[in-house]
Amino acid sequence: MKKSLMLFSTTVALAVITSCSSENEDDLTDDGPGNGEVTYVGNIRGVISGSCLGCHGATPTNGAPFSLNTFNDVSSRADGILAAISKQAGETKAMPPGGRLPQTTIDLFQEWIDAETPEN
């Protein structure tokens, strides 16, 4: 009985291990938020609205030196924005001042820049 149970357990474990493998690299895809075309309208505008416009609105407040209210405002400053949001919370000129954005959001912003900052 013990040998049968051990053989069964080993067989099940082996089946599970081998069924989770793939020799096709096309099966190894990332279905995260950055998969596909990243655009200002589809992805970046929401991040800016939720995290930046409180200070960087049409009329900047709280010492913000510029507006990020439009696509042109954001796209023309994309590299600087990426540098600021990539800093650790508490670092000089880290944005937003309330705390660092999730790394997935920062990565999405980088993808947008890499795609040459498309609007739509």
PDB file of N, CA and C in Angstrom:
ATOM      1  N   MET A   1       0.814  -1.191   0.000  1.00  0.00           N
ATOM      2  CA  MET A   1       0.000   0.000   0.000  1.00  0.00           C
ATOM      3  C   MET A   1       0.858   1.255   0.000  1.00  0.00           C
ATOM      4  N   LYS A   2       1.918   1.274   0.848  1.00  0.00           N
ATOM      5  CA  LYS A   2       2.795   2.433   0.913  1.00  0.00           C
ATOM      6  C   LYS A   2       3.490   2.662  -0.424  1.00  0.00           C
ATOM      7  N   LYS A   3       3.928   1.564  -1.075  1.00  0.00           N
ATOM      8  CA  LYS A   3       4.600   1.697  -2.360  1.00  0.00           C
ATOM      9  C   LYS A   3       3.634   2.243  -3.414  1.00  0.00           C
ATOM     10  N   SER A   4       2.398   1.786  -3.402  1.00  0.00           N
ATOM     11  CA  SER A   4       1.402   2.265  -4.361  1.00  0.00           C
ATOM     12  C   SER A   4       1.125   3.751  -4.159  1.00  0.00           C
ATOM     13  N   LEU A   5       0.981   4.165  -2.907  1.00  0.00           N
ATOM     14  CA  LEU A   5       0.734   5.568  -2.594  1.00  0.00           C
ATOM     15  C   LEU A   5       1.933   6.413  -2.998  1.00  0.00           C
ATOM     16  N   MET A   6       3.144   5.938  -2.735  1.00  0.00           N
ATOM     17  CA  MET A   6       4.360   6.665  -3.103  1.00  0.00           C
ATOM     18  C   MET A   6       4.475   6.770  -4.618  1.00  0.00           C
ATOM     19  N   LEU A   7       4.187   5.700  -5.334  1.00  0.00           N
ATOM     20  CA  LEU A   7       4.238   5.701  -6.790  1.00  0.00           C
ATOM     21  C   LEU A   7       3.198   6.666  -7.351  1.00  0.00           C
ATOM     22  N   PHE A   8       1.986   6.649  -6.785  1.00  0.00           N
ATOM     23  CA  PHE A   8       0.933   7.556  -7.228  1.00  0.00           C
ATOM     24  C   PHE A   8       1.335   9.010  -6.992  1.00  0.00           C
ATOM     25  N   SER A   9       1.852   9.346  -5.817  1.00  0.00           N
ATOM     26  CA  SER A   9       2.275  10.705  -5.485  1.00  0.00           C
ATOM     27  C   SER A   9       3.382  11.183  -6.415  1.00  0.00           C
ATOM     28  N   THR A  10       4.332  10.322  -6.690  1.00  0.00           N
ATOM     29  CA  THR A  10       5.429  10.659  -7.583  1.00  0.00           C
ATOM     30  C   THR A  10       4.913  10.904  -9.001  1.00  0.00           C
ATOM     31  N   THR A  11       3.995  10.060  -9.454  1.00  0.00           N
ATOM     32  CA  THR A  11       3.422  10.209 -10.797  1.00  0.00           C
ATOM     33  C   THR A  11       2.659  11.518 -10.923  1.00  0.00           C
ATOM     34  N   VAL A  12       1.856  11.861  -9.928  1.00  0.00           N
ATOM     35  CA  VAL A  12       1.090  13.108  -9.948  1.00  0.00           C
ATOM     36  C   VAL A  12       2.042  14.303  -9.948  1.00  0.00           C
ATOM     37  N   ALA A  13       3.047  14.264  -9.091  1.00  0.00           N
ATOM     38  CA  ALA A  13       4.008  15.370  -9.017  1.00  0.00           C
ATOM     39  C   ALA A  13       4.733  15.548 -10.348  1.00  0.00           C
ATOM     40  N   LEU A  14       5.141  14.458 -10.956  1.00  0.00           N
ATOM     41  CA  LEU A  14       5.822  14.516 -12.245  1.00  0.00           C
ATOM     42  C   LEU A  14       4.904  15.064 -13.336  1.00  0.00           C
ATOM     43  N   ALA A  15       3.649  14.681 -13.327  1.00  0.00           N
ATOM     44  CA  ALA A  15       2.685  15.169 -14.314  1.00  0.00           C
ATOM     45  C   ALA A  15       2.477  16.676 -14.164  1.00  0.00           C
ATOM     46  N   VAL A  16       2.387  17.141 -12.943  1.00  0.00           N
ATOM     47  CA  VAL A  16       2.200  18.569 -12.696  1.00  0.00           C
ATOM     48  C   VAL A  16       3.423  19.351 -13.161  1.00  0.00           C
ATOM     49  N   ILE A  17       4.588  18.903 -12.838  1.00  0.00           N
ATOM     50  CA  ILE A  17       5.826  19.595 -13.211  1.00  0.00           C
ATOM     51  C   ILE A  17       5.989  19.668 -14.722  1.00  0.00           C
ATOM     52  N   THR A  18       5.758  18.552 -15.404  1.00  0.00           N
ATOM     53  CA  THR A  18       5.977  18.558 -16.854  1.00  0.00           C
ATOM     54  C   THR A  18       4.870  19.267 -17.608  1.00  0.00           C
ATOM     55  N   SER A  19       3.676  19.347 -17.046  1.00  0.00           N
ATOM     56  CA  SER A  19       2.589  20.031 -17.749  1.00  0.00           C
ATOM     57  C   SER A  19       2.739  21.537 -17.696  1.00  0.00           C
ATOM     58  N   CYS A  20       3.591  22.045 -16.848  1.00  0.00           N
ATOM     59  CA  CYS A  20       3.768  23.492 -16.710  1.00  0.00           C
ATOM     60  C   CYS A  20       4.949  24.015 -17.507  1.00  0.00           C
ATOM     61  N   SER A  21       5.437  23.236 -18.429  1.00  0.00           N
ATOM     62  CA  SER A  21       6.574  23.692 -19.224  1.00  0.00           C
ATOM     63  C   SER A  21       6.138  23.962 -20.649  1.00  0.00           C
ATOM     64  N   SER A  22       6.934  24.757 -21.336  1.00  0.00           N
ATOM     65  CA  SER A  22       6.629  25.073 -22.725  1.00  0.00           C
ATOM     66  C   SER A  22       7.928  25.262 -23.471  1.00  0.00           C
ATOM     67  N   GLU A  23       7.964  24.735 -24.668  1.00  0.00           N
ATOM     68  CA  GLU A  23       9.132  24.933 -25.502  1.00  0.00           C
ATOM     69  C   GLU A  23       8.896  26.053 -26.505  1.00  0.00           C
ATOM     70  N   ASN A  24       7.721  26.663 -26.479  1.00  0.00           N
ATOM     71  CA  ASN A  24       7.369  27.716 -27.414  1.00  0.00           C
ATOM     72  C   ASN A  24       7.495  29.074 -26.723  1.00  0.00           C
ATOM     73  N   GLU A  25       8.447  29.891 -27.175  1.00  0.00           N
ATOM     74  CA  GLU A  25       8.662  31.195 -26.555  1.00  0.00           C
ATOM     75  C   GLU A  25       7.471  32.127 -26.732  1.00  0.00           C
ATOM     76  N   ASP A  26       6.621  31.889 -27.728  1.00  0.00           N
ATOM     77  CA  ASP A  26       5.439  32.722 -27.929  1.00  0.00           C
ATOM     78  C   ASP A  26       4.442  32.564 -26.784  1.00  0.00           C
ATOM     79  N   ASP A  27       4.511  31.458 -26.053  1.00  0.00           N
ATOM     80  CA  ASP A  27       3.616  31.247 -24.917  1.00  0.00           C
ATOM     81  C   ASP A  27       4.024  32.079 -23.709  1.00  0.00           C
ATOM     82  N   LEU A  28       5.222  32.585 -23.721  1.00  0.00           N
ATOM     83  CA  LEU A  28       5.738  33.347 -22.588  1.00  0.00           C
ATOM     84  C   LEU A  28       5.455  34.829 -22.802  1.00  0.00           C
ATOM     85  N   THR A  29       4.228  35.248 -22.573  1.00  0.00           N
ATOM     86  CA  THR A  29       3.839  36.634 -22.797  1.00  0.00           C
ATOM     87  C   THR A  29       3.524  37.301 -21.488  1.00  0.00           C
ATOM     88  N   ASP A  30       3.609  38.598 -21.485  1.00  0.00           N
ATOM     89  CA  ASP A  30       3.267  39.413 -20.335  1.00  0.00           C
ATOM     90  C   ASP A  30       1.917  40.055 -20.628  1.00  0.00           C
ATOM     91  N   ASP A  31       0.921  39.726 -19.829  1.00  0.00           N
ATOM     92  CA  ASP A  31      -0.396  40.300 -20.046  1.00  0.00           C
ATOM     93  C   ASP A  31      -0.658  41.474 -19.115  1.00  0.00           C
ATOM     94  N   GLY A  32       0.393  42.104 -18.621  1.00  0.00           N
ATOM     95  CA  GLY A  32       0.257  43.237 -17.719  1.00  0.00           C
ATOM     96  C   GLY A  32      -0.202  44.478 -18.434  1.00  0.00           C
ATOM     97  N   PRO A  33      -0.328  45.595 -17.686  1.00  0.00           N
ATOM     98  CA  PRO A  33      -0.871  46.818 -18.262  1.00  0.00           C
ATOM     99  C   PRO A  33      -0.018  47.392 -19.371  1.00  0.00           C
ATOM    100  N   GLY A  34       1.261  47.053 -19.424  1.00  0.00           N
ATOM    101  CA  GLY A  34       2.126  47.596 -20.450  1.00  0.00           C
ATOM    102  C   GLY A  34       2.126  46.793 -21.736  1.00  0.00           C
ATOM    103  N   ASN A  35       1.321  45.729 -21.793  1.00  0.00           N
ATOM    104  CA  ASN A  35       1.301  44.892 -22.983  1.00  0.00           C
ATOM    105  C   ASN A  35       0.400  45.534 -24.035  1.00  0.00           C
ATOM    106  N   GLY A  36       0.974  45.962 -25.136  1.00  0.00           N
ATOM    107  CA  GLY A  36       0.218  46.669 -26.160  1.00  0.00           C
ATOM    108  C   GLY A  36       0.754  48.076 -26.310  1.00  0.00           C
ATOM    109  N   GLU A  37       0.077  48.858 -27.130  1.00  0.00           N
ATOM    110  CA  GLU A  37       0.531  50.222 -27.366  1.00  0.00           C
ATOM    111  C   GLU A  37       0.155  51.122 -26.191  1.00  0.00           C
ATOM    112  N   VAL A  38       1.129  51.832 -25.679  1.00  0.00           N
ATOM    113  CA  VAL A  38       0.909  52.772 -24.589  1.00  0.00           C
ATOM    114  C   VAL A  38       0.742  54.158 -25.199  1.00  0.00           C
ATOM    115  N   THR A  39      -0.361  54.821 -24.866  1.00  0.00           N
ATOM    116  CA  THR A  39      -0.617  56.158 -25.394  1.00  0.00           C
ATOM    117  C   THR A  39      -0.935  57.113 -24.246  1.00  0.00           C
ATOM    118  N   TYR A  40      -0.835  58.401 -24.562  1.00  0.00           N
ATOM    119  CA  TYR A  40      -1.181  59.412 -23.575  1.00  0.00           C
ATOM    120  C   TYR A  40      -2.655  59.278 -23.180  1.00  0.00           C
ATOM    121  N   VAL A  41      -3.533  59.251 -24.164  1.00  0.00           N
ATOM    122  CA  VAL A  41      -4.967  59.201 -23.895  1.00  0.00           C
ATOM    123  C   VAL A  41      -5.353  57.899 -23.184  1.00  0.00           C
ATOM    124  N   GLY A  42      -4.816  56.782 -23.629  1.00  0.00           N
ATOM    125  CA  GLY A  42      -5.188  55.486 -23.083  1.00  0.00           C
ATOM    126  C   GLY A  42      -4.565  55.135 -21.749  1.00  0.00           C
ATOM    127  N   ASN A  43      -3.384  55.685 -21.453  1.00  0.00           N
ATOM    128  CA  ASN A  43      -2.664  55.239 -20.262  1.00  0.00           C
ATOM    129  C   ASN A  43      -2.103  56.360 -19.386  1.00  0.00           C
ATOM    130  N   ILE A  44      -1.463  57.323 -20.007  1.00  0.00           N
ATOM    131  CA  ILE A  44      -0.677  58.302 -19.255  1.00  0.00           C
ATOM    132  C   ILE A  44      -1.541  59.419 -18.668  1.00  0.00           C
ATOM    133  N   ARG A  45      -2.537  59.872 -19.394  1.00  0.00           N
ATOM    134  CA  ARG A  45      -3.378  60.976 -18.919  1.00  0.00           C
ATOM    135  C   ARG A  45      -3.991  60.659 -17.559  1.00  0.00           C
ATOM    136  N   GLY A  46      -4.430  59.439 -17.340  1.00  0.00           N
ATOM    137  CA  GLY A  46      -5.011  59.051 -16.049  1.00  0.00           C
ATOM    138  C   GLY A  46      -4.004  59.135 -14.910  1.00  0.00           C
ATOM    139  N   VAL A  47      -2.773  58.758 -15.185  1.00  0.00           N
ATOM    140  CA  VAL A  47      -1.717  58.848 -14.165  1.00  0.00           C
ATOM    141  C   VAL A  47      -1.461  60.312 -13.820  1.00  0.00           C
ATOM    142  N   ILE A  48      -1.347  61.142 -14.847  1.00  0.00           N
ATOM    143  CA  ILE A  48      -1.092  62.574 -14.632  1.00  0.00           C
ATOM    144  C   ILE A  48      -2.258  63.202 -13.874  1.00  0.00           C
ATOM    145  N   SER A  49      -3.486  62.883 -14.284  1.00  0.00           N
ATOM    146  CA  SER A  49      -4.669  63.444 -13.624  1.00  0.00           C
ATOM    147  C   SER A  49      -4.724  63.061 -12.153  1.00  0.00           C
ATOM    148  N   GLY A  50      -4.458  61.801 -11.870  1.00  0.00           N
ATOM    149  CA  GLY A  50      -4.556  61.316 -10.499  1.00  0.00           C
ATOM    150  C   GLY A  50      -3.399  61.665  -9.590  1.00  0.00           C
ATOM    151  N   SER A  51      -2.233  61.904 -10.163  1.00  0.00           N
ATOM    152  CA  SER A  51      -1.043  62.074  -9.331  1.00  0.00           C
ATOM    153  C   SER A  51      -0.353  63.426  -9.451  1.00  0.00           C
ATOM    154  N   CYS A  52      -0.673  64.206 -10.494  1.00  0.00           N
ATOM    155  CA  CYS A  52       0.108  65.418 -10.757  1.00  0.00           C
ATOM    156  C   CYS A  52      -0.712  66.711 -10.803  1.00  0.00           C
ATOM    157  N   LEU A  53      -1.945  66.619 -11.299  1.00  0.00           N
ATOM    158  CA  LEU A  53      -2.705  67.842 -11.558  1.00  0.00           C
ATOM    159  C   LEU A  53      -3.129  68.587 -10.296  1.00  0.00           C
ATOM    160  N   GLY A  54      -3.051  67.970  -9.149  1.00  0.00           N
ATOM    161  CA  GLY A  54      -3.343  68.679  -7.906  1.00  0.00           C
ATOM    162  C   GLY A  54      -2.444  69.891  -7.733  1.00  0.00           C
ATOM    163  N   CYS A  55      -1.224  69.792  -8.181  1.00  0.00           N
ATOM    164  CA  CYS A  55      -0.268  70.910  -8.123  1.00  0.00           C
ATOM    165  C   CYS A  55       0.070  71.449  -9.516  1.00  0.00           C
ATOM    166  N   HIS A  56       0.176  70.554 -10.494  1.00  0.00           N
ATOM    167  CA  HIS A  56       0.599  70.924 -11.848  1.00  0.00           C
ATOM    168  C   HIS A  56      -0.596  71.126 -12.784  1.00  0.00           C
ATOM    169  N   GLY A  57      -1.666  71.743 -12.283  1.00  0.00           N
ATOM    170  CA  GLY A  57      -2.859  71.987 -13.085  1.00  0.00           C
ATOM    171  C   GLY A  57      -2.652  73.131 -14.059  1.00  0.00           C
ATOM    172  N   ALA A  58      -3.752  73.592 -14.657  1.00  0.00           N
ATOM    173  CA  ALA A  58      -3.697  74.699 -15.623  1.00  0.00           C
ATOM    174  C   ALA A  58      -3.018  75.920 -15.006  1.00  0.00           C
ATOM    175  N   THR A  59      -3.318  76.170 -13.738  1.00  0.00           N
ATOM    176  CA  THR A  59      -2.610  77.196 -12.969  1.00  0.00           C
ATOM    177  C   THR A  59      -1.872  76.454 -11.859  1.00  0.00           C
ATOM    178  N   PRO A  60      -0.566  76.278 -11.994  1.00  0.00           N
ATOM    179  CA  PRO A  60       0.196  75.517 -10.998  1.00  0.00           C
ATOM    180  C   PRO A  60       0.057  76.111  -9.593  1.00  0.00           C
ATOM    181  N   THR A  61       0.004  75.221  -8.594  1.00  0.00           N
ATOM    182  CA  THR A  61      -0.096  75.623  -7.193  1.00  0.00           C
ATOM    183  C   THR A  61       0.950  74.900  -6.356  1.00  0.00           C
ATOM    184  N   ASN A  62       1.010  75.248  -5.093  1.00  0.00           N
ATOM    185  CA  ASN A  62       1.914  74.597  -4.131  1.00  0.00           C
ATOM    186  C   ASN A  62       3.374  74.614  -4.578  1.00  0.00           C
ATOM    187  N   GLY A  63       3.764  75.638  -5.289  1.00  0.00           N
ATOM    188  CA  GLY A  63       5.157  75.764  -5.718  1.00  0.00           C
ATOM    189  C   GLY A  63       5.513  75.009  -6.982  1.00  0.00           C
ATOM    190  N   ALA A  64       4.542  74.359  -7.615  1.00  0.00           N
ATOM    191  CA  ALA A  64       4.832  73.647  -8.862  1.00  0.00           C
ATOM    192  C   ALA A  64       5.258  74.673  -9.916  1.00  0.00           C
ATOM    193  N   PRO A  65       6.364  74.440 -10.603  1.00  0.00           N
ATOM    194  CA  PRO A  65       6.890  75.446 -11.533  1.00  0.00           C
ATOM    195  C   PRO A  65       6.263  75.441 -12.931  1.00  0.00           C
ATOM    196  N   PHE A  66       5.429  74.444 -13.250  1.00  0.00           N
ATOM    197  CA  PHE A  66       4.851  74.360 -14.587  1.00  0.00           C
ATOM    198  C   PHE A  66       3.571  73.532 -14.551  1.00  0.00           C
ATOM    199  N   SER A  67       2.776  73.668 -15.605  1.00  0.00           N
ATOM    200  CA  SER A  67       1.533  72.923 -15.764  1.00  0.00           C
ATOM    201  C   SER A  67       1.794  71.615 -16.506  1.00  0.00           C
ATOM    202  N   LEU A  68       1.006  70.608 -16.157  1.00  0.00           N
ATOM    203  CA  LEU A  68       0.991  69.333 -16.887  1.00  0.00           C
ATOM    204  C   LEU A  68      -0.441  69.046 -17.326  1.00  0.00           C
ATOM    205  N   ASN A  69      -1.131  70.089 -17.709  1.00  0.00           N
ATOM    206  CA  ASN A  69      -2.551  70.012 -18.000  1.00  0.00           C
ATOM    207  C   ASN A  69      -2.877  69.469 -19.388  1.00  0.00           C
ATOM    208  N   THR A  70      -1.940  69.527 -20.328  1.00  0.00           N
ATOM    209  CA  THR A  70      -2.224  69.099 -21.694  1.00  0.00           C
ATOM    210  C   THR A  70      -1.220  68.040 -22.153  1.00  0.00           C
ATOM    211  N   PHE A  71      -1.572  67.391 -23.249  1.00  0.00           N
ATOM    212  CA  PHE A  71      -0.658  66.426 -23.862  1.00  0.00           C
ATOM    213  C   PHE A  71       0.691  67.083 -24.161  1.00  0.00           C
ATOM    214  N   ASN A  72       0.670  68.289 -24.754  1.00  0.00           N
ATOM    215  CA  ASN A  72       1.925  68.970 -25.098  1.00  0.00           C
ATOM    216  C   ASN A  72       2.751  69.283 -23.857  1.00  0.00           C
ATOM    217  N   ASP A  73       2.094  69.683 -22.765  1.00  0.00           N
ATOM    218  CA  ASP A  73       2.817  69.948 -21.511  1.00  0.00           C
ATOM    219  C   ASP A  73       3.553  68.693 -21.054  1.00  0.00           C
ATOM    220  N   VAL A  74       2.848  67.576 -21.076  1.00  0.00           N
ATOM    221  CA  VAL A  74       3.406  66.319 -20.563  1.00  0.00           C
ATOM    222  C   VAL A  74       4.450  65.741 -21.514  1.00  0.00           C
ATOM    223  N   SER A  75       4.139  65.693 -22.802  1.00  0.00           N
ATOM    224  CA  SER A  75       5.079  65.078 -23.749  1.00  0.00           C
ATOM    225  C   SER A  75       6.376  65.867 -23.859  1.00  0.00           C
ATOM    226  N   SER A  76       6.300  67.189 -23.745  1.00  0.00           N
ATOM    227  CA  SER A  76       7.528  67.990 -23.845  1.00  0.00           C
ATOM    228  C   SER A  76       8.413  67.846 -22.611  1.00  0.00           C
ATOM    229  N   ARG A  77       7.855  67.370 -21.519  1.00  0.00           N
ATOM    230  CA  ARG A  77       8.617  67.196 -20.273  1.00  0.00           C
ATOM    231  C   ARG A  77       8.727  65.734 -19.861  1.00  0.00           C
ATOM    232  N   ALA A  78       8.448  64.826 -20.779  1.00  0.00           N
ATOM    233  CA  ALA A  78       8.362  63.405 -20.448  1.00  0.00           C
ATOM    234  C   ALA A  78       9.617  62.859 -19.765  1.00  0.00           C
ATOM    235  N   ASP A  79      10.788  63.186 -20.276  1.00  0.00           N
ATOM    236  CA  ASP A  79      12.024  62.660 -19.672  1.00  0.00           C
ATOM    237  C   ASP A  79      12.217  63.180 -18.249  1.00  0.00           C
ATOM    238  N   GLY A  80      11.928  64.449 -18.035  1.00  0.00           N
ATOM    239  CA  GLY A  80      12.046  65.028 -16.695  1.00  0.00           C
ATOM    240  C   GLY A  80      11.027  64.447 -15.730  1.00  0.00           C
ATOM    241  N   ILE A  81       9.805  64.216 -16.225  1.00  0.00           N
ATOM    242  CA  ILE A  81       8.776  63.596 -15.388  1.00  0.00           C
ATOM    243  C   ILE A  81       9.216  62.197 -14.991  1.00  0.00           C
ATOM    244  N   LEU A  82       9.713  61.432 -15.956  1.00  0.00           N
ATOM    245  CA  LEU A  82      10.182  60.076 -15.658  1.00  0.00           C
ATOM    246  C   LEU A  82      11.292  60.111 -14.615  1.00  0.00           C
ATOM    247  N   ALA A  83      12.215  61.040 -14.750  1.00  0.00           N
ATOM    248  CA  ALA A  83      13.300  61.144 -13.770  1.00  0.00           C
ATOM    249  C   ALA A  83      12.745  61.439 -12.377  1.00  0.00           C
ATOM    250  N   ALA A  84      11.756  62.324 -12.301  1.00  0.00           N
ATOM    251  CA  ALA A  84      11.192  62.707 -11.002  1.00  0.00           C
ATOM    252  C   ALA A  84      10.386  61.574 -10.371  1.00  0.00           C
ATOM    253  N   ILE A  85       9.593  60.851 -11.177  1.00  0.00           N
ATOM    254  CA  ILE A  85       8.786  59.775 -10.604  1.00  0.00           C
ATOM    255  C   ILE A  85       9.607  58.516 -10.328  1.00  0.00           C
ATOM    256  N   SER A  86      10.805  58.436 -10.888  1.00  0.00           N
ATOM    257  CA  SER A  86      11.669  57.282 -10.657  1.00  0.00           C
ATOM    258  C   SER A  86      12.474  57.401  -9.368  1.00  0.00           C
ATOM    259  N   LYS A  87      12.523  58.585  -8.793  1.00  0.00           N
ATOM    260  CA  LYS A  87      13.274  58.776  -7.541  1.00  0.00           C
ATOM    261  C   LYS A  87      12.544  58.111  -6.390  1.00  0.00           C
ATOM    262  N   GLN A  88      13.298  57.766  -5.371  1.00  0.00           N
ATOM    263  CA  GLN A  88      12.709  57.197  -4.163  1.00  0.00           C
ATOM    264  C   GLN A  88      12.039  58.301  -3.353  1.00  0.00           C
ATOM    265  N   ALA A  89      10.961  57.955  -2.662  1.00  0.00           N
ATOM    266  CA  ALA A  89      10.269  58.921  -1.808  1.00  0.00           C
ATOM    267  C   ALA A  89      11.266  59.562  -0.855  1.00  0.00           C
ATOM    268  N   GLY A  90      11.204  60.866  -0.727  1.00  0.00           N
ATOM    269  CA  GLY A  90      12.105  61.592   0.166  1.00  0.00           C
ATOM    270  C   GLY A  90      13.331  62.155  -0.517  1.00  0.00           C
ATOM    271  N   GLU A  91      13.676  61.652  -1.701  1.00  0.00           N
ATOM    272  CA  GLU A  91      14.807  62.195  -2.445  1.00  0.00           C
ATOM    273  C   GLU A  91      14.452  63.594  -2.952  1.00  0.00           C
ATOM    274  N   THR A  92      15.461  64.419  -3.147  1.00  0.00           N
ATOM    275  CA  THR A  92      15.255  65.752  -3.685  1.00  0.00           C
ATOM    276  C   THR A  92      14.574  65.670  -5.042  1.00  0.00           C
ATOM    277  N   LYS A  93      13.522  66.453  -5.220  1.00  0.00           N
ATOM    278  CA  LYS A  93      12.738  66.550  -6.454  1.00  0.00           C
ATOM    279  C   LYS A  93      12.014  65.257  -6.837  1.00  0.00           C
ATOM    280  N   ALA A  94      11.789  64.377  -5.858  1.00  0.00           N
ATOM    281  CA  ALA A  94      11.001  63.171  -6.107  1.00  0.00           C
ATOM    282  C   ALA A  94       9.531  63.565  -6.235  1.00  0.00           C
ATOM    283  N   MET A  95       8.851  62.973  -7.195  1.00  0.00           N
ATOM    284  CA  MET A  95       7.438  63.252  -7.431  1.00  0.00           C
ATOM    285  C   MET A  95       6.678  61.939  -7.519  1.00  0.00           C
ATOM    286  N   PRO A  96       5.425  61.949  -7.111  1.00  0.00           N
ATOM    287  CA  PRO A  96       4.725  63.021  -6.427  1.00  0.00           C
ATOM    288  C   PRO A  96       5.196  63.118  -4.972  1.00  0.00           C
ATOM    289  N   PRO A  97       5.016  64.287  -4.366  1.00  0.00           N
ATOM    290  CA  PRO A  97       5.529  64.472  -3.009  1.00  0.00           C
ATOM    291  C   PRO A  97       4.843  63.581  -1.971  1.00  0.00           C
ATOM    292  N   GLY A  98       3.654  63.073  -2.270  1.00  0.00           N
ATOM    293  CA  GLY A  98       2.938  62.221  -1.323  1.00  0.00           C
ATOM    294  C   GLY A  98       3.441  60.790  -1.258  1.00  0.00           C
ATOM    295  N   GLY A  99       4.351  60.403  -2.139  1.00  0.00           N
ATOM    296  CA  GLY A  99       4.886  59.045  -2.139  1.00  0.00           C
ATOM    297  C   GLY A  99       5.094  58.537  -3.549  1.00  0.00           C
ATOM    298  N   ARG A 100       5.975  57.588  -3.669  1.00  0.00           N
ATOM    299  CA  ARG A 100       6.373  57.066  -4.980  1.00  0.00           C
ATOM    300  C   ARG A 100       5.238  56.292  -5.636  1.00  0.00           C
ATOM    301  N   LEU A 101       5.118  56.446  -6.946  1.00  0.00           N
ATOM    302  CA  LEU A 101       4.146  55.687  -7.727  1.00  0.00           C
ATOM    303  C   LEU A 101       4.577  54.230  -7.801  1.00  0.00           C
ATOM    304  N   PRO A 102       3.648  53.311  -8.045  1.00  0.00           N
ATOM    305  CA  PRO A 102       4.028  51.898  -8.203  1.00  0.00           C
ATOM    306  C   PRO A 102       5.000  51.730  -9.369  1.00  0.00           C
ATOM    307  N   GLN A 103       5.898  50.778  -9.247  1.00  0.00           N
ATOM    308  CA  GLN A 103       6.895  50.547 -10.298  1.00  0.00           C
ATOM    309  C   GLN A 103       6.232  50.229 -11.632  1.00  0.00           C
ATOM    310  N   THR A 104       5.096  49.563 -11.626  1.00  0.00           N
ATOM    311  CA  THR A 104       4.410  49.260 -12.877  1.00  0.00           C
ATOM    312  C   THR A 104       3.979  50.536 -13.594  1.00  0.00           C
ATOM    313  N   THR A 105       3.607  51.558 -12.841  1.00  0.00           N
ATOM    314  CA  THR A 105       3.223  52.836 -13.434  1.00  0.00           C
ATOM    315  C   THR A 105       4.445  53.543 -14.013  1.00  0.00           C
ATOM    316  N   ILE A 106       5.543  53.490 -13.312  1.00  0.00           N
ATOM    317  CA  ILE A 106       6.794  54.085 -13.794  1.00  0.00           C
ATOM    318  C   ILE A 106       7.244  53.362 -15.069  1.00  0.00           C
ATOM    319  N   ASP A 107       7.140  52.046 -15.074  1.00  0.00           N
ATOM    320  CA  ASP A 107       7.498  51.261 -16.255  1.00  0.00           C
ATOM    321  C   ASP A 107       6.593  51.616 -17.442  1.00  0.00           C
ATOM    322  N   LEU A 108       5.320  51.824 -17.174  1.00  0.00           N
ATOM    323  CA  LEU A 108       4.378  52.212 -18.226  1.00  0.00           C
ATOM    324  C   LEU A 108       4.768  53.560 -18.821  1.00  0.00           C
ATOM    325  N   PHE A 109       5.164  54.493 -17.974  1.00  0.00           N
ATOM    326  CA  PHE A 109       5.608  55.806 -18.445  1.00  0.00           C
ATOM    327  C   PHE A 109       6.852  55.657 -19.326  1.00  0.00           C
ATOM    328  N   GLN A 110       7.777  54.777 -18.919  1.00  0.00           N
ATOM    329  CA  GLN A 110       8.979  54.516 -19.718  1.00  0.00           C
ATOM    330  C   GLN A 110       8.600  53.926 -21.072  1.00  0.00           C
ATOM    331  N   GLU A 111       7.644  52.998 -21.092  1.00  0.00           N
ATOM    332  CA  GLU A 111       7.188  52.413 -22.354  1.00  0.00           C
ATOM    333  C   GLU A 111       6.624  53.491 -23.276  1.00  0.00           C
ATOM    334  N   TRP A 112       5.883  54.431 -22.698  1.00  0.00           N
ATOM    335  CA  TRP A 112       5.308  55.525 -23.485  1.00  0.00           C
ATOM    336  C   TRP A 112       6.418  56.363 -24.116  1.00  0.00           C
ATOM    337  N   ILE A 113       7.440  56.669 -23.360  1.00  0.00           N
ATOM    338  CA  ILE A 113       8.585  57.426 -23.896  1.00  0.00           C
ATOM    339  C   ILE A 113       9.288  56.623 -24.982  1.00  0.00           C
ATOM    340  N   ASP A 114       9.500  55.340 -24.724  1.00  0.00           N
ATOM    341  CA  ASP A 114      10.158  54.480 -25.715  1.00  0.00           C
ATOM    342  C   ASP A 114       9.369  54.411 -27.027  1.00  0.00           C
ATOM    343  N   ALA A 115       8.047  54.559 -26.925  1.00  0.00           N
ATOM    344  CA  ALA A 115       7.183  54.545 -28.113  1.00  0.00           C
ATOM    345  C   ALA A 115       7.077  55.928 -28.752  1.00  0.00           C
ATOM    346  N   GLU A 116       7.887  56.862 -28.279  1.00  0.00           N
ATOM    347  CA  GLU A 116       7.941  58.239 -28.784  1.00  0.00           C
ATOM    348  C   GLU A 116       6.700  59.048 -28.441  1.00  0.00           C
ATOM    349  N   THR A 117       6.182  58.841 -27.252  1.00  0.00           N
ATOM    350  CA  THR A 117       5.084  59.594 -26.633  1.00  0.00           C
ATOM    351  C   THR A 117       3.860  59.808 -27.532  1.00  0.00           C
ATOM    352  N   PRO A 118       3.257  58.715 -28.034  1.00  0.00           N
ATOM    353  CA  PRO A 118       2.060  58.906 -28.872  1.00  0.00           C
ATOM    354  C   PRO A 118       0.883  59.445 -28.056  1.00  0.00           C
ATOM    355  N   GLU A 119       0.087  60.287 -28.705  1.00  0.00           N
ATOM    356  CA  GLU A 119      -1.077  60.853 -28.028  1.00  0.00           C
ATOM    357  C   GLU A 119      -2.239  59.858 -28.014  1.00  0.00           C
ATOM    358  N   ASN A 120      -2.534  59.280 -29.168  1.00  0.00           N
ATOM    359  CA  ASN A 120      -3.660  58.326 -29.280  1.00  0.00           C
ATOM    360  C   ASN A 120      -3.167  56.956 -29.728  1.00  0.00           C
TER     361      ASN A 120
END
